[in-house]
Protein backbone atom coordinates (compact mmCIF):
# COMPACT_ATOMS: atom_id res chain seq x y z
CA MET A 1 117.97 120.88 97.79
CA LYS A 2 114.75 119.96 96.02
CA LEU A 3 112.69 122.54 94.22
CA SER A 4 109.66 121.71 96.37
CA ASP A 5 111.66 122.76 99.46
CA HIS A 6 112.38 126.10 97.81
CA PHE A 7 108.72 126.52 96.90
CA LYS A 8 107.84 126.33 100.61
CA ARG A 9 109.70 129.61 101.19
CA ILE A 10 107.56 131.50 98.68
CA PRO A 11 104.96 133.75 100.36
CA GLU A 12 101.33 132.69 100.36
CA HIS A 13 100.12 135.63 98.28
CA VAL A 14 102.38 134.46 95.45
CA LYS A 15 101.27 130.85 95.84
CA GLN A 16 97.64 131.89 95.39
CA THR A 17 98.20 133.28 91.89
CA GLN A 18 97.32 131.42 88.71
CA GLU A 19 100.88 131.77 87.47
CA PHE A 20 102.18 129.75 90.41
CA ARG A 21 99.71 126.93 89.74
CA THR A 22 100.76 126.90 86.10
CA LEU A 23 104.39 126.91 87.17
CA ARG A 24 103.91 123.88 89.43
CA GLU A 25 102.29 121.97 86.58
CA LEU A 26 105.12 122.97 84.23
CA VAL A 27 107.71 121.74 86.73
CA ARG A 28 105.90 118.40 86.98
CA GLN A 29 105.68 118.00 83.21
CA LYS A 30 109.33 118.90 82.55
CA LYS A 31 110.50 116.88 85.59
CA ILE A 32 112.61 119.69 86.98
CA GLY A 33 114.06 118.65 90.31
CA THR A 34 116.43 121.35 91.53
CA ALA A 35 116.50 125.11 91.67
CA THR A 36 119.52 125.26 89.37
CA GLN A 37 117.72 123.25 86.70
CA PHE A 38 114.69 125.51 87.06
CA VAL A 39 116.69 128.72 86.68
CA LYS A 40 118.47 127.35 83.61
CA TYR A 41 115.16 126.21 82.14
CA VAL A 42 113.56 129.64 82.60
CA GLN A 43 116.56 131.41 81.08
CA SER A 44 116.80 129.08 78.10
CA GLU A 45 113.06 129.29 77.40
CA MET A 46 113.20 133.08 77.59
CA GLU A 47 116.06 133.19 75.07
CA THR A 48 114.31 130.71 72.78
CA CYS A 49 111.08 132.73 72.81
CA LYS A 50 112.90 136.02 72.20
CA ASN A 51 114.82 134.56 69.27
CA SER A 52 111.66 133.09 67.78
CA LEU A 53 109.87 136.39 68.18
CA LYS A 54 112.71 138.21 66.42
CA SER A 55 112.59 135.78 63.54
CA LEU A 56 108.85 136.32 63.14
CA CYS A 57 108.96 140.11 63.22
CA ASN A 58 109.65 140.43 59.49
CA VAL A 59 106.71 138.29 58.41
CA SER A 60 103.22 139.72 58.79
CA THR A 61 101.30 136.44 58.55
CA ASN A 62 102.40 134.93 61.85
CA ASN A 63 100.42 137.05 64.28
CA ARG A 64 99.03 134.06 66.19
CA LYS A 65 102.51 132.73 66.82
CA ARG A 66 103.65 136.17 67.94
CA VAL A 67 100.81 136.42 70.42
CA GLU A 68 101.59 132.97 71.83
CA LEU A 69 105.28 133.81 72.17
CA SER A 70 104.47 137.15 73.79
CA LYS A 71 102.24 135.46 76.35
CA GLU A 72 104.93 132.92 77.14
CA ILE A 73 107.54 135.67 77.53
CA SER A 74 105.18 137.55 79.81
CA PHE A 75 104.67 134.42 81.92
CA LEU A 76 108.41 133.80 82.17
CA LYS A 77 109.05 137.43 83.17
CA THR A 78 106.43 137.11 85.89
CA ILE A 79 108.12 133.95 87.14
CA GLN A 80 111.49 135.72 87.14
CA GLU A 81 110.10 138.63 89.16
CA LYS A 82 107.94 136.71 91.65
CA VAL A 83 109.51 133.28 92.13
CA LEU A 84 113.22 133.33 91.25
CA PRO A 85 114.19 135.71 94.09
CA TYR A 86 113.13 133.02 96.59
CA LEU A 87 115.28 130.26 95.08
């Protein structure tokens, strides 16, 4: 089943959020076609960001990178909470 078919089951109030628009653009850019690929992508990105954040915690000069990684982790957590239950 295509990911776009799964997206149709998501409630309208979730579709109206900025995160969902960003998610749709991300799916287009990464050419993710199925729900399984999407779940694996979200999980792998979450692990990558967490590992990168852990590696940067000992250095005090990388605050910009930490902020970027924290925002990405926050976005991925939002996607996990709002979108993944409908897939």
